[in-house]
Protein backbone atom coordinates (compact mmCIF):
# COMPACT_ATOMS: atom_id res chain seq x y z
CA MET A 1 5.81 73.24 -28.76
CA TYR A 2 7.64 76.03 -26.91
CA GLN A 3 9.66 73.59 -24.84
CA GLU A 4 11.21 72.26 -28.05
CA VAL A 5 12.84 75.64 -28.67
CA ASP A 6 14.47 75.58 -25.19
CA LEU A 7 14.65 79.34 -24.73
CA GLN A 8 16.56 80.77 -21.81
CA HIS A 9 16.05 84.03 -19.94
CA PRO A 10 16.31 86.67 -21.08
CA ILE A 11 14.75 86.01 -24.46
CA GLU A 12 16.57 88.47 -26.67
CA TYR A 13 16.79 89.20 -30.35
CA ASN A 14 18.86 91.76 -32.17
CA GLY A 15 19.61 93.67 -28.97
CA HIS A 16 16.00 93.76 -27.78
CA ASP A 17 14.95 92.19 -24.48
CA ILE A 18 11.75 90.47 -25.59
CA CYS A 19 10.97 89.40 -22.00
CA GLY A 20 11.21 92.95 -20.69
CA LEU A 21 9.14 94.38 -23.54
CA ALA A 22 6.44 91.77 -22.99
CA LYS A 23 6.36 92.41 -19.24
CA ARG A 24 5.87 96.12 -19.87
CA GLY A 25 3.22 95.38 -22.51
CA VAL A 26 5.01 97.25 -25.28
CA LEU A 27 5.74 94.51 -27.81
CA LYS A 28 2.94 95.71 -30.03
CA SER A 29 3.97 99.37 -30.00
CA LYS A 30 7.74 98.75 -30.20
CA PHE A 31 7.84 96.84 -33.47
CA LYS A 32 6.28 96.98 -36.92
CA VAL A 33 4.38 93.99 -38.33
CA ALA A 34 7.38 92.76 -40.34
CA GLN A 35 9.62 92.87 -37.26
CA VAL A 36 7.19 90.94 -35.06
CA LYS A 37 6.63 88.48 -37.89
CA GLU A 38 10.40 87.91 -38.14
CA ARG A 39 10.66 87.21 -34.43
CA CYS A 40 7.79 84.73 -34.55
CA PHE A 41 9.46 82.93 -37.45
CA LEU A 42 12.80 82.88 -35.65
CA PHE A 43 11.31 81.42 -32.46
CA GLY A 44 9.07 78.97 -34.34
CA VAL A 45 5.85 80.59 -33.12
CA GLU A 46 2.67 79.88 -35.07
CA ILE A 47 0.51 82.93 -35.65
CA GLU A 48 -3.14 83.23 -34.68
CA GLY A 49 -5.32 85.08 -37.18
CA PRO A 50 -4.77 87.05 -40.38
CA ALA A 51 -1.12 87.35 -41.48
CA GLY A 52 -1.38 91.09 -42.10
CA ARG A 53 -2.37 92.01 -38.55
CA LYS A 54 0.18 92.75 -35.85
CA ASP A 55 -2.03 91.16 -33.17
CA SER A 56 -1.72 87.84 -35.01
CA TYR A 57 1.98 87.83 -34.14
CA VAL A 58 2.08 89.71 -30.84
CA LYS A 59 -0.36 87.45 -28.99
CA PRO A 60 1.49 84.16 -29.63
CA LEU A 61 4.84 85.88 -29.03
CA ASN A 62 3.57 87.06 -25.64
CA GLU A 63 2.45 83.49 -24.90
CA LEU A 64 5.93 82.23 -25.76
CA VAL A 65 7.61 84.75 -23.48
CA GLN A 66 5.33 83.73 -20.60
CA THR A 67 7.01 80.33 -20.63
CA CYS A 68 10.29 82.02 -19.67
CA SER A 69 11.56 81.59 -16.12
CA CYS A 70 11.22 85.33 -15.45
CA PHE A 71 7.42 85.06 -15.73
CA LYS A 72 7.32 82.13 -13.33
CA GLU A 73 8.95 84.02 -10.48
């Protein structure tokens, strides 16, 4: 599914380097639930788990970012 989106490094949104945040492990602490939810919707990421929990959005967003070329280096 992620290949359909055809994301290119760096994955950015609204001035935030999503790749860099994921590499440093701070996606969860950087954003509120609504913000992470918005990014998942934008990138076409399906959530895993209850919609009210931040982890439900952060985990699949991290998985998406790992498909980026910067994680394959």
